Amino acid sequence: MKLLDQYRKLHIFLQQHEQQPGLPALALAMHCSERNMRNLLAKMQAQGWLSWQAGRGRGHHSQLQLLQSPDSLALDHLSHLLARGDLEQAFASLDGNQRQQLASRLPDYLGMPDSASRSLRMPLFRSVESLDPLKVHGRLEAHLARQIFSRLMTFDHQQNALRPAIAHHWESEKNATVWHFWLRPGLSFHDGRELGVEDVKASILRLRDEPAIYQRLYHHLLHIETGPSLRVSFYLAHADHLWPHCLATANSSIVPRQRAADFDRFPVGSGAFRIIRNNPYQLTLQAFKDYYRERPLLDEIDLWMLPPPSGPSGFDLQFGHAHQDSTKKHSIVGAESGCTYIICNSARSLFKTAEQRLALADWLAPETLFDPEERSRKPASGLLAIWKHRVAKKPRCSSFKAGHKLRMVSGQTQEILSLAQAVKQRLEAAGFIVNWTSLPFDQLMAREWVKDADLVVAREVMHDDQDFGCFEWFSADSVFRRWMPAAALKSLNADLMKIKAQADSKRRMTAYARIGKRLVQEAWMIPISHENQLVSIAPHVAGVRMTPFGFVSFNELWLRH
């Protein structure tokens, strides 16, 4: 860019003179010697930016003609950087308005790179938060953690069963209070360090000992013992048949004992992909050649952070990019496992009793908030789509006293914003004065707003393991638990303790359904909708498979050339 900046300065100087001022004047304007000025002109001519012919002999002036405008050259340079995928350098020299203009052109460069490359570019419409498994909360971050890190166990959605991962075998004893896992030999992290039993021990103890939203899931871990044959043994305070399921979650990913200060942005794992670039504009993952399982089918996944669409984009995920006029791109629809729901603060006088909360649930019946035929969601009468625990009854008139002030909080995803706007309008129709705050993901998870809020519009998207997903939902440090009175919370925890002691998954699911029924019928949680995820797939992308979690493993993707 330095030569281009010099050309821009030269262009401005020459625009101020009707005739070519001569080499001495050019050198003076560019603050260099005449010899250096000749070198600059020769370099610019070699680039095809100008035509310059030195004067020969006394009285013969040099001939200089500018062939390109600095703006067109700058645009060509930026286009070259974008085509190469170097977004950070492309944006570096621009001001805020120029960055906005360039960001609007990014989709034009999302197409498939050259035919010799096994690289896929995908758009993202929000930034990526911390990728440290301890701090992973969002669905996007959890998915990325699964690509970057490995875990002792994995859950096979197609078989609906746990499968070994970096642990090749596991077993329990003493009524599921002791669990033994044996690691595969020859495991390594992305930086070449060996992954051993001490890394596993340190990773899980960190989840138990450091504050995080899922810390409660590890509280009953008494100690960890490492032994011969790469054995790791977990000793628990009580029976827990869900412990192997817990060790398959994104949070239970194995991290190195020694981590750099920028581990949040550049984590080192042992998964199928390693991070080679992470900046405000893009996140690039490269296939890890020493991955313990089959090699990914792609060499790179390049995620570009694009401005969110001003209106409904129609798709939650886009695998690759195809222009709008493409007739070969296709889409698939998948039902997510989870729910969008409303929680009201039972510490407030308006919502202290179940009758008061149920009155709110009826006033906010799904049919009053969105069209039941809407493609992206369907009305909910339970926390899971398979549960039918209470159908809200739309009242003819409001039973609430007008003038009450409510503070409502939501996230900022497109689907949450549209639903929260409908909730706000419906509450205002009942006479409430609603102060609605939408918070970015990091502030939403910080929970500093909880003590002052009256309502929150929330969304739970569970991972593929629905059994443990239900336990995690009802057990973690969720907002609905913070707003439940102590007696109700004690009863819920007792039921969850019994579930962990139950070895049969079907019986656990029946027990979850009873908990869900109580939570809905007492309006601790007010179900609104079950979301469908719409995925757009470019014609050159293959291997996309929908799951209840909504994402496909990146190492299954491949390209049709």
Protein backbone atom coordinates (compact mmCIF):
# COMPACT_ATOMS: atom_id res chain seq x y z
CA MET A 1 0.00 0.00 0.00
CA LYS A 2 2.97 2.37 0.44
CA LEU A 3 3.55 2.72 -3.31
CA LEU A 4 -0.18 3.31 -3.83
CA ASP A 5 -0.15 6.04 -1.16
CA GLN A 6 2.77 7.69 -2.94
CA TYR A 7 0.89 7.50 -6.24
CA ARG A 8 -2.13 9.14 -4.62
CA LYS A 9 0.09 11.99 -3.35
CA LEU A 10 1.63 12.39 -6.81
CA HIS A 11 -1.83 12.39 -8.41
CA ILE A 12 -3.05 15.18 -6.10
CA PHE A 13 0.06 17.28 -6.84
CA LEU A 14 -0.28 16.94 -10.60
CA GLN A 15 -3.99 17.84 -10.49
CA GLN A 16 -2.89 21.26 -9.24
CA HIS A 17 -0.71 21.93 -12.31
CA GLU A 18 -1.85 22.31 -15.87
CA GLN A 19 1.58 21.41 -17.27
CA GLN A 20 4.07 18.78 -16.20
CA PRO A 21 6.25 20.63 -13.68
CA GLY A 22 9.46 18.62 -14.28
CA LEU A 23 11.43 16.10 -12.28
CA PRO A 24 12.98 18.58 -9.75
CA ALA A 25 9.53 19.90 -8.82
CA LEU A 26 8.16 16.34 -8.50
CA ALA A 27 11.04 15.33 -6.24
CA LEU A 28 10.47 18.40 -4.07
CA ALA A 29 6.74 17.67 -3.78
CA MET A 30 7.38 14.02 -2.87
CA HIS A 31 10.15 14.97 -0.37
CA CYS A 32 12.80 12.83 -2.01
CA SER A 33 15.87 13.14 -4.24
CA GLU A 34 15.61 13.27 -8.03
CA ARG A 35 17.23 9.82 -8.17
CA ASN A 36 14.59 8.37 -5.82
CA MET A 37 11.86 10.14 -7.82
CA ARG A 38 13.06 8.38 -10.99
CA ASN A 39 12.91 5.04 -9.14
CA LEU A 40 9.36 5.77 -7.94
CA LEU A 41 8.19 6.67 -11.43
CA ALA A 42 9.80 3.53 -12.85
CA LYS A 43 8.02 1.34 -10.26
CA MET A 44 4.66 3.01 -10.94
CA GLN A 45 5.17 2.60 -14.68
CA ALA A 46 5.96 -1.09 -14.19
CA GLN A 47 2.60 -1.41 -12.42
CA GLY A 48 0.87 0.19 -15.44
CA TRP A 49 -0.28 3.21 -13.42
CA LEU A 50 1.45 5.87 -15.51
CA SER A 51 3.55 6.43 -18.58
CA TRP A 52 6.86 8.17 -18.05
CA GLN A 53 9.69 8.95 -20.46
CA ALA A 54 12.75 10.73 -19.17
CA GLY A 55 13.95 13.80 -21.07
CA ARG A 56 17.15 13.27 -23.03
CA GLY A 57 19.56 16.17 -23.27
CA ARG A 58 19.41 19.82 -22.30
CA GLY A 59 16.06 21.46 -22.97
CA HIS A 60 14.16 18.19 -23.38
CA HIS A 61 11.50 17.71 -20.70
CA SER A 62 10.37 14.32 -19.43
CA GLN A 63 6.93 13.12 -20.49
CA LEU A 64 4.53 11.96 -17.75
CA GLN A 65 0.96 10.74 -18.20
CA LEU A 66 -1.26 9.29 -15.43
CA LEU A 67 -3.19 6.24 -16.64
CA GLN A 68 -5.14 5.23 -13.52
CA SER A 69 -6.98 7.05 -10.75
CA PRO A 70 -5.84 6.29 -7.18
CA ASP A 71 -9.40 5.31 -6.22
CA SER A 72 -9.68 2.71 -8.97
CA LEU A 73 -6.25 1.33 -8.04
CA ALA A 74 -7.24 1.16 -4.38
CA LEU A 75 -10.41 -0.70 -5.31
CA ASP A 76 -8.43 -3.13 -7.46
CA HIS A 77 -6.01 -3.69 -4.60
CA LEU A 78 -8.84 -4.34 -2.14
CA SER A 79 -10.53 -6.66 -4.61
CA HIS A 80 -7.30 -8.64 -4.91
CA LEU A 81 -7.05 -8.93 -1.11
CA LEU A 82 -10.69 -10.04 -0.86
CA ALA A 83 -10.29 -12.62 -3.61
CA ARG A 84 -7.25 -13.92 -1.72
CA GLY A 85 -9.30 -14.02 1.49
CA ASP A 86 -7.15 -11.47 3.38
CA LEU A 87 -9.98 -9.47 4.93
CA GLU A 88 -8.00 -7.96 7.79
CA GLN A 89 -5.48 -6.30 5.47
CA ALA A 90 -8.27 -5.15 3.15
CA PHE A 91 -10.11 -3.38 5.97
CA ALA A 92 -7.02 -2.06 7.77
CA SER A 93 -6.56 1.21 5.84
CA LEU A 94 -10.24 2.18 5.59
CA ASP A 95 -12.36 4.52 7.68
CA GLY A 96 -15.75 3.57 9.13
CA ASN A 97 -17.82 4.57 6.08
CA GLN A 98 -15.42 2.88 3.66
CA ARG A 99 -15.50 -0.29 5.77
CA GLN A 100 -19.28 -0.35 5.54
CA GLN A 101 -19.11 -0.01 1.76
CA LEU A 102 -16.51 -2.76 1.49
CA ALA A 103 -18.49 -5.05 3.84
CA SER A 104 -21.49 -4.78 1.53
CA ARG A 105 -19.36 -6.19 -1.32
CA LEU A 106 -18.08 -9.22 0.63
CA PRO A 107 -20.76 -11.65 -0.62
CA ASP A 108 -19.38 -11.20 -4.15
CA TYR A 109 -16.14 -12.85 -2.98
CA LEU A 110 -17.69 -15.74 -1.08
CA GLY A 111 -17.84 -18.01 -4.12
CA MET A 112 -15.73 -21.11 -4.42
CA PRO A 113 -11.98 -20.38 -4.76
CA ASP A 114 -9.87 -21.86 -7.56
CA SER A 115 -10.54 -25.44 -8.60
CA ALA A 116 -7.31 -26.74 -7.04
CA SER A 117 -8.36 -25.62 -3.57
CA ARG A 118 -10.38 -27.60 -1.04
CA SER A 119 -11.49 -24.51 0.85
CA LEU A 120 -15.00 -23.37 1.70
CA ARG A 121 -16.02 -19.82 2.54
CA MET A 122 -19.14 -19.38 4.67
CA PRO A 123 -20.89 -16.20 5.85
CA LEU A 124 -21.62 -15.49 9.52
CA PHE A 125 -23.88 -12.66 10.63
CA ARG A 126 -22.48 -12.15 14.12
CA SER A 127 -19.05 -12.10 15.69
CA VAL A 128 -17.63 -15.14 17.45
CA GLU A 129 -17.27 -14.91 21.23
CA SER A 130 -14.72 -16.77 23.37
CA LEU A 131 -13.73 -20.22 22.11
CA ASP A 132 -12.37 -21.37 25.46
CA PRO A 133 -14.59 -24.40 26.32
CA LEU A 134 -14.99 -23.10 29.88
CA LYS A 135 -16.70 -19.96 28.54
CA VAL A 136 -18.59 -21.43 25.58
CA HIS A 137 -22.34 -20.73 25.87
CA GLY A 138 -23.75 -19.93 22.43
CA ARG A 139 -24.69 -22.52 19.85
CA LEU A 140 -22.19 -21.16 17.30
CA GLU A 141 -19.30 -21.18 19.76
CA ALA A 142 -20.23 -24.66 21.00
CA HIS A 143 -20.22 -25.94 17.42
CA LEU A 144 -16.83 -24.39 16.69
CA ALA A 145 -15.42 -25.84 19.92
CA ARG A 146 -16.49 -29.28 18.72
CA GLN A 147 -14.42 -28.77 15.56
CA ILE A 148 -11.35 -27.40 17.36
CA PHE A 149 -11.22 -29.66 20.42
CA SER A 150 -11.66 -33.35 21.22
CA ARG A 151 -13.51 -34.93 24.13
CA LEU A 152 -13.42 -38.25 25.92
CA MET A 153 -16.81 -39.15 24.43
CA THR A 154 -18.96 -38.15 21.49
CA PHE A 155 -22.67 -38.51 20.79
CA ASP A 156 -23.76 -40.15 17.55
CA HIS A 157 -27.05 -38.53 16.55
CA GLN A 158 -27.82 -41.09 13.85
CA GLN A 159 -27.39 -43.99 16.28
CA ASN A 160 -28.72 -41.97 19.25
CA ALA A 161 -25.90 -43.33 21.38
CA LEU A 162 -22.61 -42.40 23.03
CA ARG A 163 -19.48 -43.37 21.16
CA PRO A 164 -15.80 -43.37 22.19
CA ALA A 165 -13.71 -40.39 21.13
CA ILE A 166 -10.19 -39.86 22.55
CA ALA A 167 -11.17 -42.45 25.16
CA HIS A 168 -11.39 -45.80 23.38
CA HIS A 169 -13.13 -47.59 26.29
CA TRP A 170 -15.03 -46.72 29.46
CA GLU A 171 -16.74 -48.53 32.32
CA SER A 172 -18.21 -47.81 35.75
CA GLU A 173 -18.31 -49.43 39.16
CA LYS A 174 -19.71 -48.87 42.67
CA ASN A 175 -23.19 -47.95 41.45
CA ALA A 176 -22.00 -45.40 38.90
CA THR A 177 -20.02 -43.38 41.45
CA VAL A 178 -16.69 -44.34 39.85
CA TRP A 179 -16.02 -44.07 36.12
CA HIS A 180 -12.86 -45.27 34.33
CA PHE A 181 -11.78 -44.10 30.86
CA TRP A 182 -8.78 -45.31 28.81
CA LEU A 183 -7.21 -42.85 26.33
CA ARG A 184 -6.02 -43.69 22.85
CA PRO A 185 -2.22 -43.66 22.54
CA GLY A 186 -0.35 -41.11 20.42
CA LEU A 187 -2.74 -38.16 20.88
CA SER A 188 -1.39 -34.66 20.26
CA PHE A 189 -2.52 -31.04 20.36
CA HIS A 190 -2.40 -28.72 17.36
CA ASP A 191 0.97 -27.29 18.49
CA GLY A 192 2.59 -30.72 18.63
CA ARG A 193 2.41 -31.21 22.40
CA GLU A 194 1.32 -34.63 23.62
CA LEU A 195 -2.22 -34.93 24.95
CA GLY A 196 -2.13 -37.15 28.04
CA VAL A 197 -4.07 -38.12 31.14
CA GLU A 198 -2.85 -35.06 33.09
CA ASP A 199 -4.39 -32.75 30.45
CA VAL A 200 -7.72 -34.59 30.84
CA LYS A 201 -7.52 -34.30 34.62
CA ALA A 202 -6.71 -30.58 34.56
CA SER A 203 -9.43 -29.82 31.97
CA ILE A 204 -12.26 -31.40 33.98
CA LEU A 205 -11.08 -30.03 37.34
CA ARG A 206 -11.08 -26.55 35.78
CA LEU A 207 -14.78 -26.99 34.95
CA ARG A 208 -15.50 -27.96 38.54
CA ASP A 209 -13.43 -25.23 40.19
CA GLU A 210 -13.86 -22.12 38.02
CA PRO A 211 -17.17 -20.16 37.91
CA ALA A 212 -19.20 -20.74 34.74
CA ILE A 213 -22.82 -21.29 33.76
CA TYR A 214 -22.41 -25.10 33.72
CA GLN A 215 -20.25 -25.38 36.86
CA ARG A 216 -23.04 -27.12 38.80
CA LEU A 217 -22.77 -30.14 36.48
CA TYR A 218 -19.32 -30.91 37.90
CA HIS A 219 -19.85 -30.07 41.60
CA HIS A 220 -20.22 -33.71 42.64
CA LEU A 221 -16.78 -34.64 41.27
CA LEU A 222 -14.69 -35.54 44.35
CA HIS A 223 -11.34 -36.25 42.71
CA ILE A 224 -9.64 -37.63 39.61
CA GLU A 225 -7.06 -40.39 39.57
CA THR A 226 -4.68 -41.20 36.71
CA GLY A 227 -3.23 -44.67 36.32
CA PRO A 228 -1.38 -47.04 34.00
CA SER A 229 -2.44 -47.77 30.42
CA LEU A 230 -3.55 -44.12 29.99
CA ARG A 231 -6.40 -44.56 32.48
CA VAL A 232 -8.35 -41.63 33.97
CA SER A 233 -10.77 -42.39 36.84
CA PHE A 234 -13.47 -40.04 38.13
CA TYR A 235 -14.80 -40.42 41.70
CA LEU A 236 -18.25 -38.88 42.26
CA ALA A 237 -20.16 -37.99 45.41
CA HIS A 238 -23.28 -39.83 44.23
CA ALA A 239 -24.49 -42.12 41.46
CA ASP A 240 -24.46 -40.49 38.05
CA HIS A 241 -25.32 -42.51 34.94
CA LEU A 242 -25.16 -39.28 32.90
CA TRP A 243 -21.46 -38.68 33.63
CA PRO A 244 -20.24 -40.05 30.25
CA HIS A 245 -22.86 -37.87 28.54
CA CYS A 246 -21.51 -34.84 30.41
CA LEU A 247 -18.00 -35.62 29.13
CA ALA A 248 -19.27 -35.46 25.53
CA THR A 249 -20.37 -31.79 25.72
CA ALA A 250 -18.48 -28.91 24.14
CA ASN A 251 -17.63 -27.56 27.61
CA SER A 252 -15.88 -30.86 28.48
CA SER A 253 -13.39 -30.45 25.64
CA ILE A 254 -9.81 -31.26 26.59
CA VAL A 255 -7.44 -28.29 26.68
CA PRO A 256 -3.67 -28.11 27.31
CA ARG A 257 -2.51 -27.57 30.88
CA GLN A 258 -0.45 -24.58 29.74
CA ARG A 259 -2.43 -22.01 27.75
CA ALA A 260 -1.42 -18.71 26.18
CA ALA A 261 -2.97 -15.40 27.23
CA ASP A 262 -4.94 -15.21 23.96
CA PHE A 263 -6.41 -18.72 24.34
CA ASP A 264 -9.94 -17.28 24.02
CA ARG A 265 -9.19 -16.22 20.42
CA PHE A 266 -6.51 -18.72 19.45
CA PRO A 267 -7.29 -21.90 21.36
CA VAL A 268 -5.10 -24.95 20.95
CA GLY A 269 -7.03 -28.20 20.81
CA SER A 270 -6.74 -31.64 19.23
CA GLY A 271 -9.84 -31.60 17.03
CA ALA A 272 -10.24 -31.98 13.28
CA PHE A 273 -9.47 -28.29 12.64
CA ARG A 274 -7.02 -25.77 14.08
CA ILE A 275 -7.40 -21.99 14.03
CA ILE A 276 -4.95 -20.13 11.81
CA ARG A 277 -6.72 -16.76 11.66
CA ASN A 278 -9.15 -14.99 14.01
CA ASN A 279 -9.87 -11.28 13.64
CA PRO A 280 -13.01 -9.10 13.60
CA TYR A 281 -13.58 -9.96 9.93
CA GLN A 282 -12.93 -13.67 9.61
CA LEU A 283 -12.19 -16.93 11.38
CA THR A 284 -10.19 -19.50 9.42
CA LEU A 285 -9.92 -23.15 10.38
CA GLN A 286 -7.37 -25.47 8.79
CA ALA A 287 -7.46 -29.29 8.76
CA PHE A 288 -5.25 -30.83 11.48
CA LYS A 289 -3.03 -33.40 9.80
CA ASP A 290 -2.46 -35.38 13.02
CA TYR A 291 -6.15 -35.68 13.95
CA TYR A 292 -6.72 -39.05 15.61
CA ARG A 293 -9.68 -39.93 13.38
CA GLU A 294 -10.26 -39.71 9.63
CA ARG A 295 -8.94 -36.57 7.99
CA PRO A 296 -11.46 -33.79 7.16
CA LEU A 297 -12.48 -33.73 3.52
CA LEU A 298 -11.73 -30.01 3.25
CA ASP A 299 -8.41 -28.26 3.84
CA GLU A 300 -9.89 -25.02 5.15
CA ILE A 301 -13.15 -23.52 6.40
CA ASP A 302 -13.09 -19.72 6.11
CA LEU A 303 -15.87 -17.96 8.05
CA TRP A 304 -16.50 -14.33 7.05
CA MET A 305 -18.29 -11.95 9.41
CA LEU A 306 -20.83 -10.08 7.30
CA PRO A 307 -23.21 -7.30 8.33
CA PRO A 308 -26.55 -8.81 9.38
CA PRO A 309 -29.23 -8.50 6.69
CA SER A 310 -31.53 -5.52 7.12
CA GLY A 311 -34.57 -7.76 6.68
CA PRO A 312 -35.28 -11.48 6.95
CA SER A 313 -32.49 -13.30 5.13
CA GLY A 314 -34.55 -16.46 4.84
CA PHE A 315 -31.73 -18.66 6.12
CA ASP A 316 -30.03 -19.28 9.46
CA LEU A 317 -26.95 -20.86 7.89
CA GLN A 318 -25.39 -20.67 4.46
CA PHE A 319 -22.96 -23.40 3.45
CA GLY A 320 -20.94 -21.69 0.75
CA HIS A 321 -22.30 -18.87 -1.37
CA ALA A 322 -24.40 -18.90 -4.52
CA HIS A 323 -25.68 -15.79 -6.26
CA GLN A 324 -29.38 -15.08 -5.94
CA ASP A 325 -29.99 -15.97 -9.58
CA SER A 326 -28.50 -19.45 -9.15
CA THR A 327 -31.01 -22.14 -10.06
CA LYS A 328 -28.94 -24.98 -8.60
CA LYS A 329 -28.70 -23.96 -4.94
CA HIS A 330 -31.07 -25.71 -2.59
CA SER A 331 -32.21 -25.50 1.02
CA ILE A 332 -33.25 -27.84 3.78
CA VAL A 333 -35.41 -27.29 6.85
CA GLY A 334 -34.72 -28.89 10.22
CA ALA A 335 -36.61 -28.71 13.50
CA GLU A 336 -34.40 -27.60 16.37
CA SER A 337 -34.53 -29.45 19.67
CA GLY A 338 -35.50 -26.85 22.23
CA CYS A 339 -37.84 -23.94 22.70
CA THR A 340 -38.24 -20.18 22.68
CA TYR A 341 -39.94 -19.21 25.91
CA ILE A 342 -40.66 -16.41 28.37
CA ILE A 343 -39.64 -16.29 32.03
CA CYS A 344 -41.27 -13.92 34.49
CA ASN A 345 -39.67 -12.84 37.75
CA SER A 346 -41.68 -14.46 40.55
CA ALA A 347 -40.19 -12.01 43.05
CA ARG A 348 -42.40 -9.31 41.52
CA SER A 349 -45.88 -8.82 42.96
CA LEU A 350 -47.42 -9.24 39.49
CA PHE A 351 -46.06 -12.78 39.11
CA LYS A 352 -45.87 -14.26 42.60
CA THR A 353 -48.59 -16.89 42.13
CA ALA A 354 -49.07 -19.57 39.49
CA GLU A 355 -52.46 -18.02 38.62
CA GLN A 356 -50.83 -14.67 37.86
CA ARG A 357 -48.13 -16.25 35.73
CA LEU A 358 -50.65 -18.42 33.86
CA ALA A 359 -52.75 -15.34 33.13
CA LEU A 360 -49.67 -13.87 31.47
CA ALA A 361 -49.12 -17.15 29.56
CA ASP A 362 -52.68 -16.99 28.22
CA TRP A 363 -52.35 -13.34 27.23
CA LEU A 364 -49.15 -14.21 25.37
CA ALA A 365 -50.63 -17.23 23.60
CA PRO A 366 -48.54 -18.06 20.49
CA GLU A 367 -51.47 -17.38 18.14
CA THR A 368 -51.44 -13.74 19.32
CA LEU A 369 -47.73 -13.32 18.59
CA PHE A 370 -47.18 -14.94 15.18
CA ASP A 371 -48.96 -16.76 12.39
CA PRO A 372 -49.21 -20.49 13.27
CA GLU A 373 -48.52 -21.22 9.58
CA GLU A 374 -45.20 -19.37 9.72
CA ARG A 375 -42.43 -21.46 8.16
CA SER A 376 -39.67 -20.64 10.64
CA ARG A 377 -41.52 -21.62 13.85
CA LYS A 378 -44.54 -23.40 15.21
CA PRO A 379 -46.58 -22.79 18.40
CA ALA A 380 -45.33 -24.53 21.54
CA SER A 381 -47.42 -26.19 24.23
CA GLY A 382 -44.40 -27.76 25.97
CA LEU A 383 -40.68 -27.17 26.33
CA LEU A 384 -39.95 -29.87 23.74
CA ALA A 385 -41.95 -30.36 20.55
CA ILE A 386 -42.81 -33.92 21.70
CA TRP A 387 -44.38 -32.60 24.93
CA LYS A 388 -47.95 -31.24 25.05
CA HIS A 389 -48.30 -29.90 28.58
CA ARG A 390 -50.52 -26.84 28.31
CA VAL A 391 -52.23 -25.04 25.45
CA ALA A 392 -52.52 -21.33 26.18
CA LYS A 393 -56.07 -19.98 26.03
CA LYS A 394 -56.31 -16.58 24.39
CA PRO A 395 -58.47 -14.36 26.68
CA ARG A 396 -61.02 -11.98 25.23
CA CYS A 397 -59.87 -9.07 27.36
CA SER A 398 -56.96 -8.21 29.62
CA SER A 399 -57.22 -8.90 33.36
CA PHE A 400 -54.16 -6.74 34.13
CA LYS A 401 -54.34 -3.31 35.65
CA ALA A 402 -53.19 -0.69 33.15
CA GLY A 403 -50.13 1.42 33.90
CA HIS A 404 -47.79 -1.19 35.35
CA LYS A 405 -44.21 -0.81 34.19
CA LEU A 406 -42.28 -3.87 33.00
CA ARG A 407 -38.63 -4.21 32.11
CA MET A 408 -38.19 -6.88 29.43
CA VAL A 409 -34.84 -8.25 28.25
CA SER A 410 -33.96 -10.27 25.14
CA GLY A 411 -31.02 -11.20 22.97
CA GLN A 412 -30.31 -9.73 19.55
CA THR A 413 -30.69 -12.62 17.11
CA GLN A 414 -33.14 -11.96 14.30
CA GLU A 415 -35.69 -14.53 15.47
CA ILE A 416 -35.57 -13.30 19.10
CA LEU A 417 -35.90 -9.64 18.10
CA SER A 418 -38.97 -10.27 15.95
CA LEU A 419 -40.66 -12.32 18.68
CA ALA A 420 -39.74 -9.87 21.45
CA GLN A 421 -41.23 -7.02 19.41
CA ALA A 422 -44.50 -8.98 19.14
CA VAL A 423 -44.45 -9.69 22.90
CA LYS A 424 -43.89 -6.01 23.64
CA GLN A 425 -46.83 -4.98 21.47
CA ARG A 426 -49.06 -7.60 23.05
CA LEU A 427 -48.13 -6.47 26.57
CA GLU A 428 -48.79 -2.85 25.64
CA ALA A 429 -52.23 -3.93 24.37
CA ALA A 430 -52.88 -5.14 27.94
CA GLY A 431 -51.99 -1.72 29.33
CA PHE A 432 -48.40 -2.38 30.41
CA ILE A 433 -45.66 0.19 29.93
CA VAL A 434 -42.80 -1.91 28.56
CA ASN A 435 -39.14 -0.96 28.67
CA TRP A 436 -37.49 -3.47 26.32
CA THR A 437 -33.71 -3.90 26.24
CA SER A 438 -32.02 -6.15 23.69
CA LEU A 439 -28.51 -7.13 24.74
CA PRO A 440 -25.54 -8.47 22.78
CA PHE A 441 -24.59 -12.05 23.52
CA ASP A 442 -21.76 -11.33 25.99
CA GLN A 443 -23.90 -8.97 28.11
CA LEU A 444 -26.84 -11.36 28.01
CA MET A 445 -24.67 -14.15 29.41
CA ALA A 446 -23.07 -11.90 32.04
CA ARG A 447 -26.51 -11.83 33.78
CA GLU A 448 -25.96 -8.42 35.40
CA TRP A 449 -29.49 -7.45 34.28
CA VAL A 450 -31.25 -10.33 36.06
CA LYS A 451 -31.92 -8.57 39.37
CA ASP A 452 -33.67 -5.62 37.68
CA ALA A 453 -35.67 -7.40 34.97
CA ASP A 454 -39.31 -8.51 35.10
CA LEU A 455 -39.43 -10.63 31.94
CA VAL A 456 -36.94 -12.25 29.62
CA VAL A 457 -37.49 -13.73 26.17
CA ALA A 458 -35.11 -16.70 26.06
CA ARG A 459 -34.22 -19.51 23.71
CA GLU A 460 -32.80 -22.96 24.39
CA VAL A 461 -31.22 -24.94 21.58
CA MET A 462 -30.07 -28.31 22.85
CA HIS A 463 -27.28 -30.39 21.40
CA ASP A 464 -27.93 -33.71 19.68
CA ASP A 465 -28.01 -35.67 22.94
CA GLN A 466 -31.57 -34.81 24.01
CA ASP A 467 -31.30 -36.91 27.18
CA PHE A 468 -28.39 -34.96 28.64
CA GLY A 469 -29.64 -31.77 26.95
CA CYS A 470 -32.75 -31.82 29.14
CA PHE A 471 -30.68 -32.43 32.27
CA GLU A 472 -28.30 -29.61 31.35
CA TRP A 473 -31.20 -27.23 30.65
CA PHE A 474 -32.90 -27.87 33.99
CA SER A 475 -29.66 -28.05 36.02
CA ALA A 476 -27.41 -25.25 34.77
CA ASP A 477 -27.37 -21.69 36.06
CA SER A 478 -30.39 -20.68 33.98
CA VAL A 479 -32.44 -17.52 34.54
CA PHE A 480 -35.59 -19.46 35.39
CA ARG A 481 -33.72 -21.16 38.27
CA ARG A 482 -32.56 -17.78 39.61
CA TRP A 483 -36.16 -16.55 39.69
CA MET A 484 -37.68 -19.67 41.27
CA PRO A 485 -38.32 -19.57 45.04
CA ALA A 486 -36.15 -21.82 47.21
CA ALA A 487 -38.87 -24.43 47.88
CA ALA A 488 -39.63 -24.96 44.18
CA LEU A 489 -35.91 -25.11 43.37
CA LYS A 490 -35.30 -27.69 46.10
CA SER A 491 -38.03 -29.93 44.66
CA LEU A 492 -36.58 -29.58 41.14
CA ASN A 493 -33.07 -30.48 42.33
CA ALA A 494 -34.37 -33.56 44.14
CA ASP A 495 -35.99 -34.79 40.94
CA LEU A 496 -32.80 -34.19 38.98
CA MET A 497 -30.80 -36.15 41.55
CA LYS A 498 -33.12 -39.14 41.04
CA ILE A 499 -32.72 -38.85 37.28
CA LYS A 500 -28.92 -39.12 37.50
CA ALA A 501 -29.30 -42.31 39.52
CA GLN A 502 -31.51 -43.82 36.81
CA ALA A 503 -29.60 -46.02 34.34
CA ASP A 504 -32.35 -46.29 31.72
CA SER A 505 -32.53 -43.41 29.21
CA LYS A 506 -36.23 -43.91 28.42
CA ARG A 507 -37.14 -43.62 32.10
CA ARG A 508 -34.99 -40.50 32.35
CA MET A 509 -36.89 -38.94 29.42
CA THR A 510 -40.20 -39.75 31.15
CA ALA A 511 -38.92 -38.02 34.28
CA TYR A 512 -37.85 -34.96 32.26
CA ALA A 513 -41.34 -34.79 30.79
CA ARG A 514 -42.82 -34.67 34.32
CA ILE A 515 -40.46 -31.82 35.23
CA GLY A 516 -41.34 -29.98 32.02
CA LYS A 517 -45.03 -30.40 32.74
CA ARG A 518 -44.68 -28.88 36.20
CA LEU A 519 -42.54 -25.99 34.93
CA VAL A 520 -45.12 -25.15 32.24
CA GLN A 521 -48.29 -25.70 34.28
CA GLU A 522 -46.93 -23.50 37.07
CA ALA A 523 -45.63 -21.04 34.46
CA TRP A 524 -42.06 -20.94 35.69
CA MET A 525 -41.36 -21.10 31.94
CA ILE A 526 -43.91 -20.01 29.30
CA PRO A 527 -43.30 -21.87 26.02
CA ILE A 528 -43.94 -19.79 22.89
CA SER A 529 -42.47 -21.52 19.85
CA HIS A 530 -40.33 -24.32 18.48
CA GLU A 531 -37.96 -23.05 15.83
CA ASN A 532 -37.17 -24.50 12.43
CA GLN A 533 -33.73 -23.89 11.02
CA LEU A 534 -33.51 -23.01 7.33
CA VAL A 535 -30.20 -23.84 5.66
CA SER A 536 -29.06 -22.65 2.24
CA ILE A 537 -26.56 -24.87 0.42
CA ALA A 538 -24.51 -23.66 -2.54
CA PRO A 539 -24.41 -26.06 -5.52
CA HIS A 540 -20.71 -26.84 -5.07
CA VAL A 541 -21.08 -27.90 -1.39
CA ALA A 542 -21.87 -31.48 -0.35
CA GLY A 543 -22.01 -33.42 2.91
CA VAL A 544 -24.45 -31.09 4.72
CA ARG A 545 -26.52 -33.07 7.22
CA MET A 546 -29.02 -31.45 9.57
CA THR A 547 -29.17 -32.44 13.24
CA PRO A 548 -31.44 -31.27 16.09
CA PHE A 549 -28.56 -29.03 17.20
CA GLY A 550 -28.69 -27.40 13.78
CA PHE A 551 -25.09 -27.76 12.64
CA VAL A 552 -23.17 -30.36 10.66
CA SER A 553 -19.64 -31.41 11.53
CA PHE A 554 -17.24 -29.49 9.29
CA ASN A 555 -15.14 -32.58 8.60
CA GLU A 556 -18.09 -34.10 6.69
CA LEU A 557 -18.25 -31.27 4.15
CA TRP A 558 -16.75 -31.57 0.68
CA LEU A 559 -16.84 -29.73 -2.63
CA ARG A 560 -18.17 -30.69 -6.05
CA HIS A 561 -15.88 -29.20 -8.70
